[in-house]
């Protein structure tokens, strides 16, 4: 679960503090105010704990199976709400409740598989992992994309895309659960995209 409310210590020894997350100690509560590591990646991509990520990775409820006989990707678990939110109207009519996984293999047209199979044409948005590099949308909530990041790097020598996403996360604005096809935080992907584009520009 995520920390959704933190109040500062008060002069009378902490009266009035509230934490929405049960059992959270005062020391852990201030973690939300700490800056993030610039080299951090999303928990889904690296398995690292990432402070203040807008949403945690989804825990798997079933044993992972390959996406298809042609694709050996086992994928990552994704919530039903993510699948339903991103399906087209016609695809949503085929939705079957159950466990789903997200396939990120760029050579495979399948996006979600499990209780039912949905491909790229079944989604309302393009899945950047399955698109050619260059102008892909990395942050679906705040329109951080490769083209704009590259332009920013060319003009200023760097990009503040990751910091902008961090600021939105801190303000509680992210909606990755229903906007990002993989259903989890995109910050690690944005950090990685900025690093790759910046490194390439400075060669």
N, C-alpha and C. Protein backbone atom coordinates (compact mmCIF):
# COMPACT_ATOMS: atom_id res chain seq x y z
N UNK A 1 0.84 -1.19 0.00
CA UNK A 1 0.00 0.00 0.00
C UNK A 1 0.87 1.23 0.00
N UNK A 2 0.28 2.40 -0.40
CA UNK A 2 1.05 3.62 -0.50
C UNK A 2 0.72 4.58 0.61
N UNK A 3 1.71 5.36 0.97
CA UNK A 3 1.47 6.45 1.91
C UNK A 3 0.71 7.54 1.19
N UNK A 4 -0.47 7.90 1.72
CA UNK A 4 -1.28 8.90 1.03
C UNK A 4 -1.43 10.18 1.80
N UNK A 5 -0.98 10.21 3.06
CA UNK A 5 -1.09 11.45 3.82
C UNK A 5 -0.02 11.49 4.89
N UNK A 6 0.70 12.58 4.95
CA UNK A 6 1.72 12.78 5.98
C UNK A 6 1.64 14.20 6.45
N UNK A 7 1.63 14.40 7.77
CA UNK A 7 1.63 15.75 8.30
C UNK A 7 2.92 15.98 9.06
N UNK A 8 3.41 17.19 9.05
CA UNK A 8 4.66 17.54 9.71
C UNK A 8 4.50 17.41 11.23
N UNK A 9 5.67 17.20 11.87
CA UNK A 9 5.66 17.19 13.32
C UNK A 9 5.24 18.57 13.82
N UNK A 10 4.51 18.61 14.89
CA UNK A 10 4.09 19.88 15.45
C UNK A 10 4.91 20.19 16.68
N UNK A 11 4.87 21.43 17.13
CA UNK A 11 5.71 21.88 18.24
C UNK A 11 5.33 21.21 19.55
N UNK A 12 4.16 20.62 19.64
CA UNK A 12 3.75 20.00 20.90
C UNK A 12 4.09 18.52 20.94
N UNK A 13 5.10 18.14 20.13
CA UNK A 13 5.60 16.77 20.23
C UNK A 13 4.99 15.81 19.25
N UNK A 14 4.28 16.32 18.24
CA UNK A 14 3.79 15.43 17.20
C UNK A 14 2.30 15.21 17.23
N UNK A 15 1.57 15.95 18.06
CA UNK A 15 0.12 15.79 18.11
C UNK A 15 -0.48 16.14 16.77
N UNK A 16 -1.47 15.40 16.37
CA UNK A 16 -2.17 15.69 15.13
C UNK A 16 -1.57 14.99 13.92
N UNK A 17 -0.49 14.19 14.08
CA UNK A 17 0.07 13.49 12.94
C UNK A 17 -0.89 12.41 12.50
N UNK A 18 -0.96 12.24 11.20
CA UNK A 18 -1.84 11.20 10.68
C UNK A 18 -1.14 10.48 9.55
N UNK A 19 -1.25 9.18 9.53
CA UNK A 19 -0.73 8.39 8.43
C UNK A 19 -1.84 7.50 7.94
N UNK A 20 -2.11 7.52 6.62
CA UNK A 20 -3.16 6.69 6.06
C UNK A 20 -2.72 5.23 6.04
N UNK A 21 -1.43 5.02 6.09
CA UNK A 21 -0.94 3.65 6.06
C UNK A 21 -0.77 3.16 7.49
N UNK A 22 -1.40 2.08 7.86
CA UNK A 22 -1.40 1.59 9.22
C UNK A 22 -0.01 1.10 9.62
N UNK A 23 0.35 1.39 10.85
CA UNK A 23 1.59 0.90 11.40
C UNK A 23 2.83 1.63 10.93
N UNK A 24 2.71 2.74 10.25
CA UNK A 24 3.85 3.48 9.74
C UNK A 24 4.49 4.28 10.86
N UNK A 25 5.79 4.11 11.07
CA UNK A 25 6.48 4.83 12.12
C UNK A 25 6.80 6.24 11.68
N UNK A 26 7.02 7.18 12.63
CA UNK A 26 7.37 8.56 12.27
C UNK A 26 8.60 8.64 11.40
N UNK A 27 9.60 7.76 11.65
CA UNK A 27 10.83 7.81 10.86
C UNK A 27 10.55 7.45 9.41
N UNK A 28 9.75 6.40 9.20
CA UNK A 28 9.44 5.99 7.83
C UNK A 28 8.54 6.99 7.15
N UNK A 29 7.75 7.73 7.92
CA UNK A 29 6.82 8.69 7.32
C UNK A 29 7.54 9.79 6.59
N UNK A 30 8.74 10.18 7.05
CA UNK A 30 9.43 11.28 6.41
C UNK A 30 10.16 10.86 5.15
N UNK A 31 10.21 9.56 4.86
CA UNK A 31 10.86 9.08 3.64
C UNK A 31 10.24 9.70 2.41
N UNK A 32 8.94 9.95 2.48
CA UNK A 32 8.24 10.50 1.32
C UNK A 32 8.79 11.86 0.91
N UNK A 33 9.43 12.56 1.88
CA UNK A 33 9.95 13.89 1.58
C UNK A 33 11.38 13.85 1.05
N UNK A 34 12.01 12.64 1.04
CA UNK A 34 13.39 12.53 0.61
C UNK A 34 13.49 12.52 -0.90
N UNK A 35 14.54 13.10 -1.49
CA UNK A 35 14.71 13.09 -2.94
C UNK A 35 15.02 11.70 -3.45
N UNK A 36 14.63 11.42 -4.69
CA UNK A 36 14.87 10.11 -5.26
C UNK A 36 16.23 10.03 -5.92
N UNK A 37 16.77 8.83 -5.97
CA UNK A 37 18.04 8.58 -6.64
C UNK A 37 17.83 8.80 -8.13
N UNK A 38 18.68 9.61 -8.75
CA UNK A 38 18.54 9.90 -10.17
C UNK A 38 18.72 8.68 -11.03
N UNK A 39 19.40 7.67 -10.52
CA UNK A 39 19.63 6.46 -11.31
C UNK A 39 18.64 5.36 -10.99
N UNK A 40 17.61 5.70 -10.20
CA UNK A 40 16.63 4.69 -9.81
C UNK A 40 15.80 4.27 -11.01
N UNK A 41 15.43 3.00 -11.02
CA UNK A 41 14.52 2.50 -12.06
C UNK A 41 13.26 2.01 -11.38
N UNK A 42 12.22 1.79 -12.15
CA UNK A 42 10.97 1.34 -11.56
C UNK A 42 11.14 -0.02 -10.92
N UNK A 43 10.35 -0.29 -9.90
CA UNK A 43 10.45 -1.55 -9.19
C UNK A 43 10.19 -2.72 -10.13
N UNK A 44 9.31 -2.51 -11.08
CA UNK A 44 8.99 -3.57 -12.03
C UNK A 44 10.20 -3.91 -12.87
N UNK A 45 10.97 -2.93 -13.29
CA UNK A 45 12.07 -3.16 -14.20
C UNK A 45 13.33 -3.67 -13.51
N UNK A 46 13.56 -3.30 -12.25
CA UNK A 46 14.82 -3.66 -11.61
C UNK A 46 14.66 -4.41 -10.31
N UNK A 47 13.47 -4.43 -9.74
CA UNK A 47 13.27 -5.09 -8.47
C UNK A 47 13.70 -4.26 -7.29
N UNK A 48 14.20 -3.05 -7.49
CA UNK A 48 14.62 -2.19 -6.40
C UNK A 48 13.42 -1.51 -5.76
N UNK A 49 13.56 -1.23 -4.46
CA UNK A 49 12.54 -0.43 -3.78
C UNK A 49 12.71 1.01 -4.23
N UNK A 50 11.67 1.66 -4.73
CA UNK A 50 11.79 3.03 -5.18
C UNK A 50 10.89 3.92 -4.35
N UNK A 51 11.50 4.77 -3.53
CA UNK A 51 10.76 5.65 -2.64
C UNK A 51 9.84 6.57 -3.43
N UNK A 52 8.62 6.72 -2.95
CA UNK A 52 7.64 7.65 -3.51
C UNK A 52 7.20 7.31 -4.92
N UNK A 53 7.34 6.07 -5.35
CA UNK A 53 6.80 5.67 -6.64
C UNK A 53 5.28 5.81 -6.57
N UNK A 54 4.67 6.21 -7.68
CA UNK A 54 3.24 6.52 -7.62
C UNK A 54 2.38 5.29 -7.40
N UNK A 55 2.83 4.13 -7.83
CA UNK A 55 2.06 2.91 -7.58
C UNK A 55 3.01 1.72 -7.59
N UNK A 56 2.79 0.75 -6.72
CA UNK A 56 3.68 -0.41 -6.63
C UNK A 56 3.44 -1.41 -7.74
N UNK A 57 4.40 -2.30 -7.92
CA UNK A 57 4.23 -3.37 -8.89
C UNK A 57 3.13 -4.31 -8.40
N UNK A 58 2.44 -4.93 -9.32
CA UNK A 58 1.35 -5.84 -8.97
C UNK A 58 1.93 -7.20 -8.65
N UNK A 59 1.49 -7.79 -7.55
CA UNK A 59 1.96 -9.11 -7.16
C UNK A 59 1.27 -10.17 -8.01
N UNK A 60 2.02 -11.17 -8.41
CA UNK A 60 1.45 -12.25 -9.22
C UNK A 60 0.59 -13.17 -8.38
N UNK A 61 -0.55 -13.57 -8.90
CA UNK A 61 -1.47 -14.44 -8.17
C UNK A 61 -1.44 -15.86 -8.73
N UNK A 62 -0.88 -16.04 -9.91
CA UNK A 62 -0.82 -17.35 -10.53
C UNK A 62 0.58 -17.59 -11.05
N UNK A 63 0.90 -18.83 -11.29
CA UNK A 63 2.21 -19.17 -11.84
C UNK A 63 2.34 -18.61 -13.25
N UNK A 64 3.46 -17.97 -13.52
CA UNK A 64 3.65 -17.33 -14.81
C UNK A 64 3.76 -18.36 -15.92
N UNK A 65 3.09 -18.08 -17.03
CA UNK A 65 3.13 -18.93 -18.21
C UNK A 65 3.58 -18.07 -19.39
N UNK A 66 4.22 -18.67 -20.39
CA UNK A 66 4.64 -17.90 -21.56
C UNK A 66 3.46 -17.21 -22.23
N UNK A 67 3.74 -16.10 -22.86
CA UNK A 67 2.71 -15.32 -23.53
C UNK A 67 1.99 -16.15 -24.59
N UNK A 68 2.76 -16.86 -25.41
CA UNK A 68 2.20 -17.69 -26.47
C UNK A 68 3.28 -18.67 -26.93
N UNK A 69 2.93 -19.66 -27.75
CA UNK A 69 3.94 -20.58 -28.25
C UNK A 69 5.06 -19.87 -29.02
N UNK A 70 4.72 -18.73 -29.64
CA UNK A 70 5.70 -17.99 -30.41
C UNK A 70 6.49 -16.99 -29.55
N UNK A 71 6.01 -16.67 -28.37
CA UNK A 71 6.64 -15.68 -27.50
C UNK A 71 6.86 -16.32 -26.13
N UNK A 72 8.10 -16.37 -25.69
CA UNK A 72 8.41 -17.03 -24.42
C UNK A 72 8.31 -16.08 -23.22
N UNK A 73 7.96 -14.81 -23.48
CA UNK A 73 7.85 -13.84 -22.40
C UNK A 73 6.77 -14.25 -21.40
N UNK A 74 7.13 -14.28 -20.12
CA UNK A 74 6.15 -14.63 -19.09
C UNK A 74 5.39 -13.41 -18.60
N UNK A 75 5.91 -12.23 -18.89
CA UNK A 75 5.21 -11.00 -18.57
C UNK A 75 5.17 -10.68 -17.09
N UNK A 76 4.58 -9.54 -16.78
CA UNK A 76 4.42 -9.11 -15.39
C UNK A 76 2.94 -8.98 -15.07
N UNK A 77 2.55 -9.28 -13.85
CA UNK A 77 1.13 -9.20 -13.48
C UNK A 77 0.59 -7.79 -13.65
N UNK A 78 -0.66 -7.70 -14.03
CA UNK A 78 -1.32 -6.41 -14.20
C UNK A 78 -2.75 -6.54 -13.71
N UNK A 79 -3.25 -5.48 -13.09
CA UNK A 79 -4.59 -5.53 -12.52
C UNK A 79 -5.67 -5.48 -13.61
N UNK A 80 -6.83 -6.02 -13.28
CA UNK A 80 -7.96 -5.99 -14.21
C UNK A 80 -8.33 -4.56 -14.57
N UNK A 81 -8.28 -3.64 -13.60
CA UNK A 81 -8.69 -2.27 -13.87
C UNK A 81 -7.82 -1.63 -14.95
N UNK A 82 -6.55 -1.99 -15.00
CA UNK A 82 -5.66 -1.47 -16.03
C UNK A 82 -6.09 -1.97 -17.40
N UNK A 83 -6.32 -3.26 -17.49
CA UNK A 83 -6.73 -3.87 -18.76
C UNK A 83 -8.02 -3.24 -19.25
N UNK A 84 -9.03 -3.17 -18.40
CA UNK A 84 -10.33 -2.63 -18.80
C UNK A 84 -10.25 -1.16 -19.19
N UNK A 85 -9.42 -0.40 -18.48
CA UNK A 85 -9.32 1.03 -18.76
C UNK A 85 -8.70 1.32 -20.13
N UNK A 86 -7.85 0.42 -20.60
CA UNK A 86 -7.10 0.70 -21.83
C UNK A 86 -7.60 -0.05 -23.06
N UNK A 87 -8.59 -0.89 -22.89
CA UNK A 87 -9.14 -1.60 -24.05
C UNK A 87 -10.08 -0.71 -24.85
N UNK A 88 -10.13 -0.95 -26.14
CA UNK A 88 -11.11 -0.26 -26.99
C UNK A 88 -12.50 -0.78 -26.62
N UNK A 89 -13.51 -0.09 -27.12
CA UNK A 89 -14.88 -0.48 -26.79
C UNK A 89 -15.16 -1.91 -27.26
N UNK A 90 -14.73 -2.24 -28.47
CA UNK A 90 -15.00 -3.59 -29.00
C UNK A 90 -14.22 -4.66 -28.24
N UNK A 91 -12.99 -4.34 -27.85
CA UNK A 91 -12.19 -5.31 -27.11
C UNK A 91 -12.74 -5.52 -25.71
N UNK A 92 -13.25 -4.44 -25.11
CA UNK A 92 -13.79 -4.55 -23.75
C UNK A 92 -14.99 -5.49 -23.71
N UNK A 93 -15.70 -5.63 -24.82
CA UNK A 93 -16.83 -6.56 -24.87
C UNK A 93 -16.37 -8.01 -24.76
N UNK A 94 -15.09 -8.26 -25.01
CA UNK A 94 -14.54 -9.61 -24.92
C UNK A 94 -13.85 -9.86 -23.58
N UNK A 95 -13.78 -8.85 -22.75
CA UNK A 95 -13.06 -8.98 -21.48
C UNK A 95 -13.67 -10.07 -20.60
N UNK A 96 -12.79 -10.86 -20.00
CA UNK A 96 -13.19 -11.91 -19.07
C UNK A 96 -12.45 -11.68 -17.75
N UNK A 97 -13.16 -11.57 -16.63
CA UNK A 97 -12.48 -11.37 -15.35
C UNK A 97 -11.49 -12.49 -15.07
N UNK A 98 -10.37 -12.13 -14.46
CA UNK A 98 -9.36 -13.14 -14.15
C UNK A 98 -7.98 -12.53 -14.05
N UNK A 99 -6.97 -13.37 -13.99
CA UNK A 99 -5.58 -12.91 -13.88
C UNK A 99 -5.02 -12.55 -15.26
N UNK A 100 -4.32 -11.43 -15.32
CA UNK A 100 -3.72 -10.98 -16.57
C UNK A 100 -2.25 -10.63 -16.36
N UNK A 101 -1.50 -10.72 -17.47
CA UNK A 101 -0.10 -10.32 -17.47
C UNK A 101 0.17 -9.42 -18.68
N UNK A 102 1.18 -8.57 -18.52
CA UNK A 102 1.56 -7.62 -19.57
C UNK A 102 2.80 -8.13 -20.27
N UNK A 103 2.76 -8.22 -21.59
CA UNK A 103 3.90 -8.66 -22.39
C UNK A 103 4.61 -7.43 -22.97
N UNK A 104 5.88 -7.28 -22.65
CA UNK A 104 6.64 -6.12 -23.13
C UNK A 104 7.55 -6.45 -24.30
N UNK A 105 7.49 -7.67 -24.80
CA UNK A 105 8.35 -8.08 -25.92
C UNK A 105 8.02 -7.24 -27.15
N UNK A 106 9.00 -6.49 -27.70
CA UNK A 106 8.73 -5.62 -28.86
C UNK A 106 8.40 -6.39 -30.14
N UNK A 107 8.72 -7.67 -30.18
CA UNK A 107 8.46 -8.45 -31.39
C UNK A 107 7.11 -9.16 -31.34
N UNK A 108 6.41 -9.03 -30.21
CA UNK A 108 5.14 -9.73 -30.03
C UNK A 108 3.98 -8.73 -30.05
N UNK A 109 2.91 -9.07 -30.73
CA UNK A 109 1.75 -8.17 -30.82
C UNK A 109 0.82 -8.29 -29.62
N UNK A 110 1.03 -9.29 -28.79
CA UNK A 110 0.18 -9.47 -27.60
C UNK A 110 0.59 -8.47 -26.53
N UNK A 111 -0.40 -7.82 -25.92
CA UNK A 111 -0.15 -6.89 -24.83
C UNK A 111 -0.57 -7.52 -23.50
N UNK A 112 -1.79 -8.01 -23.44
CA UNK A 112 -2.30 -8.66 -22.24
C UNK A 112 -2.67 -10.10 -22.55
N UNK A 113 -2.35 -10.99 -21.62
CA UNK A 113 -2.73 -12.39 -21.80
C UNK A 113 -3.04 -12.99 -20.45
N UNK A 114 -3.82 -14.04 -20.47
CA UNK A 114 -4.25 -14.69 -19.22
C UNK A 114 -5.66 -15.21 -19.39
N UNK A 115 -6.62 -14.56 -18.74
CA UNK A 115 -8.01 -14.96 -18.87
C UNK A 115 -8.48 -14.78 -20.31
N UNK A 116 -7.91 -13.81 -21.01
CA UNK A 116 -8.20 -13.54 -22.42
C UNK A 116 -6.94 -12.93 -23.02
N UNK A 117 -6.84 -12.89 -24.32
CA UNK A 117 -5.67 -12.32 -24.99
C UNK A 117 -6.08 -11.05 -25.72
N UNK A 118 -5.30 -10.00 -25.50
CA UNK A 118 -5.55 -8.72 -26.18
C UNK A 118 -4.24 -8.25 -26.82
N UNK A 119 -4.35 -7.80 -28.06
CA UNK A 119 -3.18 -7.38 -28.81
C UNK A 119 -3.14 -5.86 -28.96
N UNK A 120 -2.10 -5.38 -29.62
CA UNK A 120 -1.90 -3.93 -29.73
C UNK A 120 -3.11 -3.22 -30.34
N UNK A 121 -3.75 -3.85 -31.30
CA UNK A 121 -4.92 -3.23 -31.95
C UNK A 121 -6.13 -3.15 -31.02
N UNK A 122 -6.08 -3.87 -29.91
CA UNK A 122 -7.19 -3.87 -28.96
C UNK A 122 -7.09 -2.74 -27.94
N UNK A 123 -5.98 -2.01 -27.95
CA UNK A 123 -5.79 -0.95 -26.95
C UNK A 123 -6.09 0.42 -27.52
N UNK A 124 -6.45 1.33 -26.64
CA UNK A 124 -6.77 2.71 -27.03
C UNK A 124 -5.52 3.56 -27.17
N UNK A 125 -4.39 3.08 -26.70
CA UNK A 125 -3.13 3.82 -26.79
C UNK A 125 -2.06 2.92 -27.39
N UNK A 126 -1.01 3.56 -27.90
CA UNK A 126 0.13 2.80 -28.39
C UNK A 126 0.98 2.35 -27.20
N UNK A 127 1.46 1.14 -27.26
CA UNK A 127 2.31 0.60 -26.19
C UNK A 127 3.76 0.86 -26.57
N UNK A 128 4.44 1.73 -25.82
CA UNK A 128 5.75 2.19 -26.26
C UNK A 128 6.77 1.06 -26.36
N UNK A 129 6.63 0.03 -25.53
CA UNK A 129 7.58 -1.09 -25.61
C UNK A 129 7.52 -1.81 -26.94
N UNK A 130 6.43 -1.65 -27.66
CA UNK A 130 6.23 -2.34 -28.93
C UNK A 130 6.32 -1.41 -30.13
N UNK A 131 6.75 -0.18 -29.89
CA UNK A 131 6.89 0.82 -30.95
C UNK A 131 8.38 1.06 -31.25
N UNK A 132 8.71 1.49 -32.46
CA UNK A 132 10.11 1.81 -32.78
C UNK A 132 10.57 3.03 -31.98
N UNK A 133 11.82 3.03 -31.56
CA UNK A 133 12.35 4.14 -30.76
C UNK A 133 12.40 5.42 -31.59
N UNK A 134 12.29 6.55 -30.90
CA UNK A 134 12.38 7.83 -31.57
C UNK A 134 11.41 8.87 -31.05
N UNK A 135 10.14 8.51 -30.97
CA UNK A 135 9.12 9.47 -30.51
C UNK A 135 8.10 8.81 -29.59
N UNK A 136 8.51 7.74 -28.94
CA UNK A 136 7.56 6.98 -28.12
C UNK A 136 7.11 7.74 -26.87
N UNK A 137 5.87 7.51 -26.48
CA UNK A 137 5.34 8.06 -25.24
C UNK A 137 5.85 7.20 -24.09
N UNK A 138 6.56 7.80 -23.14
CA UNK A 138 7.08 7.05 -22.00
C UNK A 138 6.21 7.25 -20.77
N UNK A 139 5.80 8.48 -20.54
CA UNK A 139 4.91 8.78 -19.41
C UNK A 139 3.53 9.11 -19.97
N UNK A 140 2.58 8.22 -19.74
CA UNK A 140 1.24 8.38 -20.29
C UNK A 140 0.40 9.38 -19.51
N UNK A 141 0.81 9.69 -18.30
CA UNK A 141 0.05 10.64 -17.49
C UNK A 141 0.34 12.08 -17.87
N UNK A 142 1.63 12.38 -18.15
CA UNK A 142 2.05 13.77 -18.33
C UNK A 142 2.79 14.02 -19.64
N UNK A 143 2.60 13.14 -20.61
CA UNK A 143 3.08 13.36 -21.97
C UNK A 143 4.60 13.56 -22.06
N UNK A 144 5.35 12.80 -21.30
CA UNK A 144 6.81 12.83 -21.44
C UNK A 144 7.19 11.80 -22.49
N UNK A 145 7.72 12.26 -23.61
CA UNK A 145 8.01 11.36 -24.72
C UNK A 145 9.43 11.56 -25.23
N UNK A 146 9.90 10.61 -26.01
CA UNK A 146 11.29 10.62 -26.47
C UNK A 146 11.60 11.85 -27.32
N UNK A 147 10.69 12.25 -28.17
CA UNK A 147 10.93 13.39 -29.05
C UNK A 147 11.15 14.68 -28.26
N UNK A 148 10.29 14.92 -27.27
CA UNK A 148 10.42 16.14 -26.46
C UNK A 148 11.66 16.10 -25.57
N UNK A 149 11.96 14.92 -25.04
CA UNK A 149 13.16 14.77 -24.21
C UNK A 149 14.40 15.05 -25.05
N UNK A 150 14.44 14.52 -26.26
CA UNK A 150 15.59 14.74 -27.14
C UNK A 150 15.73 16.22 -27.49
N UNK A 151 14.62 16.88 -27.77
CA UNK A 151 14.66 18.31 -28.10
C UNK A 151 15.17 19.12 -26.92
N UNK A 152 14.73 18.76 -25.71
CA UNK A 152 15.17 19.46 -24.50
C UNK A 152 16.66 19.28 -24.28
N UNK A 153 17.15 18.06 -24.51
CA UNK A 153 18.58 17.78 -24.35
C UNK A 153 19.40 18.56 -25.38
N UNK A 154 18.90 18.62 -26.59
CA UNK A 154 19.62 19.35 -27.65
C UNK A 154 19.69 20.84 -27.34
N UNK A 155 18.66 21.38 -26.73
CA UNK A 155 18.61 22.81 -26.45
C UNK A 155 19.32 23.21 -25.16
N UNK A 156 19.26 22.34 -24.16
CA UNK A 156 19.80 22.71 -22.84
C UNK A 156 20.93 21.82 -22.35
N UNK A 157 21.15 20.70 -23.02
CA UNK A 157 22.19 19.78 -22.60
C UNK A 157 21.71 18.74 -21.61
N UNK A 158 20.49 18.87 -21.15
CA UNK A 158 19.92 17.90 -20.21
C UNK A 158 18.41 17.92 -20.33
N UNK A 159 17.75 17.04 -19.57
CA UNK A 159 16.29 17.01 -19.55
C UNK A 159 15.81 16.87 -18.12
N UNK A 160 14.79 17.62 -17.77
CA UNK A 160 14.20 17.57 -16.44
C UNK A 160 12.92 16.75 -16.42
N UNK A 161 12.77 15.88 -17.43
CA UNK A 161 11.55 15.08 -17.52
C UNK A 161 11.32 14.23 -16.27
N UNK A 162 12.37 13.59 -15.78
CA UNK A 162 12.23 12.74 -14.60
C UNK A 162 11.84 13.56 -13.37
N UNK A 163 12.43 14.74 -13.22
CA UNK A 163 12.08 15.58 -12.08
C UNK A 163 10.64 16.08 -12.18
N UNK A 164 10.19 16.36 -13.40
CA UNK A 164 8.80 16.79 -13.57
C UNK A 164 7.84 15.68 -13.13
N UNK A 165 8.19 14.44 -13.50
CA UNK A 165 7.34 13.31 -13.10
C UNK A 165 7.39 13.15 -11.58
N UNK A 166 8.57 13.28 -10.98
CA UNK A 166 8.68 13.20 -9.52
C UNK A 166 7.78 14.23 -8.84
N UNK A 167 7.79 15.44 -9.38
CA UNK A 167 6.97 16.51 -8.80
C UNK A 167 5.48 16.16 -8.87
N UNK A 168 5.07 15.58 -9.99
CA UNK A 168 3.67 15.18 -10.13
C UNK A 168 3.33 14.05 -9.16
N UNK A 169 4.26 13.12 -8.98
CA UNK A 169 4.04 12.03 -8.03
C UNK A 169 3.86 12.59 -6.63
N UNK A 170 4.74 13.52 -6.25
CA UNK A 170 4.66 14.13 -4.92
C UNK A 170 3.34 14.87 -4.72
N UNK A 171 2.78 15.41 -5.81
CA UNK A 171 1.52 16.14 -5.73
C UNK A 171 0.30 15.22 -5.81
N UNK A 172 0.54 13.92 -5.97
CA UNK A 172 -0.56 12.96 -6.00
C UNK A 172 -1.36 12.97 -7.27
N UNK A 173 -0.73 13.32 -8.39
CA UNK A 173 -1.47 13.46 -9.65
C UNK A 173 -1.40 12.22 -10.56
N UNK A 174 -0.51 11.30 -10.28
CA UNK A 174 -0.31 10.18 -11.20
C UNK A 174 -1.51 9.23 -11.26
N UNK A 175 -1.70 8.65 -12.43
CA UNK A 175 -2.79 7.69 -12.63
C UNK A 175 -2.29 6.53 -13.47
N UNK A 176 -1.07 6.05 -13.16
CA UNK A 176 -0.46 4.99 -13.95
C UNK A 176 -1.30 3.72 -13.99
N UNK A 177 -2.09 3.48 -12.93
CA UNK A 177 -2.90 2.26 -12.88
C UNK A 177 -3.90 2.18 -14.02
N UNK A 178 -4.32 3.33 -14.55
CA UNK A 178 -5.33 3.32 -15.61
C UNK A 178 -4.85 4.01 -16.89
N UNK A 179 -3.61 4.51 -16.91
CA UNK A 179 -3.10 5.17 -18.10
C UNK A 179 -1.90 4.46 -18.72
N UNK A 180 -1.05 3.90 -17.87
CA UNK A 180 0.13 3.20 -18.35
C UNK A 180 -0.24 1.74 -18.67
N UNK A 181 -0.01 1.27 -19.89
CA UNK A 181 -0.39 -0.10 -20.24
C UNK A 181 0.17 -1.17 -19.30
N UNK A 182 1.35 -0.95 -18.74
CA UNK A 182 1.90 -1.97 -17.84
C UNK A 182 1.31 -1.83 -16.43
N UNK A 183 0.55 -0.79 -16.19
CA UNK A 183 -0.19 -0.66 -14.94
C UNK A 183 0.61 -0.29 -13.72
N UNK A 184 1.84 0.17 -13.90
CA UNK A 184 2.67 0.55 -12.76
C UNK A 184 3.50 1.78 -13.10
N UNK A 185 4.24 2.25 -12.12
CA UNK A 185 4.96 3.52 -12.24
C UNK A 185 5.91 3.58 -13.43
N UNK A 186 5.90 4.71 -14.13
CA UNK A 186 6.74 4.90 -15.31
C UNK A 186 8.03 5.65 -14.99
N UNK A 187 8.23 6.07 -13.75
CA UNK A 187 9.38 6.92 -13.44
C UNK A 187 10.70 6.28 -13.83
N UNK A 188 10.86 5.00 -13.53
CA UNK A 188 12.09 4.31 -13.91
C UNK A 188 12.32 4.31 -15.40
N UNK A 189 11.23 4.18 -16.17
CA UNK A 189 11.34 4.20 -17.63
C UNK A 189 11.75 5.59 -18.13
N UNK A 190 11.21 6.63 -17.50
CA UNK A 190 11.55 8.00 -17.88
C UNK A 190 13.01 8.28 -17.57
N UNK A 191 13.47 7.87 -16.39
CA UNK A 191 14.88 8.06 -16.01
C UNK A 191 15.80 7.36 -17.02
N UNK A 192 15.44 6.15 -17.39
CA UNK A 192 16.26 5.40 -18.33
C UNK A 192 16.26 6.05 -19.71
N UNK A 193 15.10 6.53 -20.14
CA UNK A 193 15.01 7.19 -21.45
C UNK A 193 15.85 8.46 -21.48
N UNK A 194 15.79 9.25 -20.42
CA UNK A 194 16.60 10.47 -20.34
C UNK A 194 18.08 10.14 -20.40
N UNK A 195 18.50 9.12 -19.67
CA UNK A 195 19.91 8.73 -19.65
C UNK A 195 20.38 8.28 -21.04
N UNK A 196 19.58 7.45 -21.69
CA UNK A 196 19.97 6.93 -23.00
C UNK A 196 20.04 8.05 -24.04
N UNK A 197 19.05 8.93 -24.03
CA UNK A 197 19.02 10.03 -25.00
C UNK A 197 20.16 11.02 -24.73
N UNK A 198 20.41 11.31 -23.46
CA UNK A 198 21.49 12.23 -23.11
C UNK A 198 22.85 11.65 -23.47
N UNK A 199 23.07 10.37 -23.15
CA UNK A 199 24.34 9.72 -23.49
C UNK A 199 24.57 9.73 -24.99
N UNK A 200 23.52 9.46 -25.75
CA UNK A 200 23.64 9.43 -27.22
C UNK A 200 23.95 10.82 -27.76
N UNK A 201 23.34 11.84 -27.19
CA UNK A 201 23.54 13.22 -27.67
C UNK A 201 24.94 13.72 -27.37
N UNK A 202 25.56 13.19 -26.32
CA UNK A 202 26.89 13.68 -25.92
C UNK A 202 28.03 12.85 -26.48
N UNK A 203 27.73 11.90 -27.32
CA UNK A 203 28.78 11.09 -27.94
C UNK A 203 29.56 11.90 -28.98
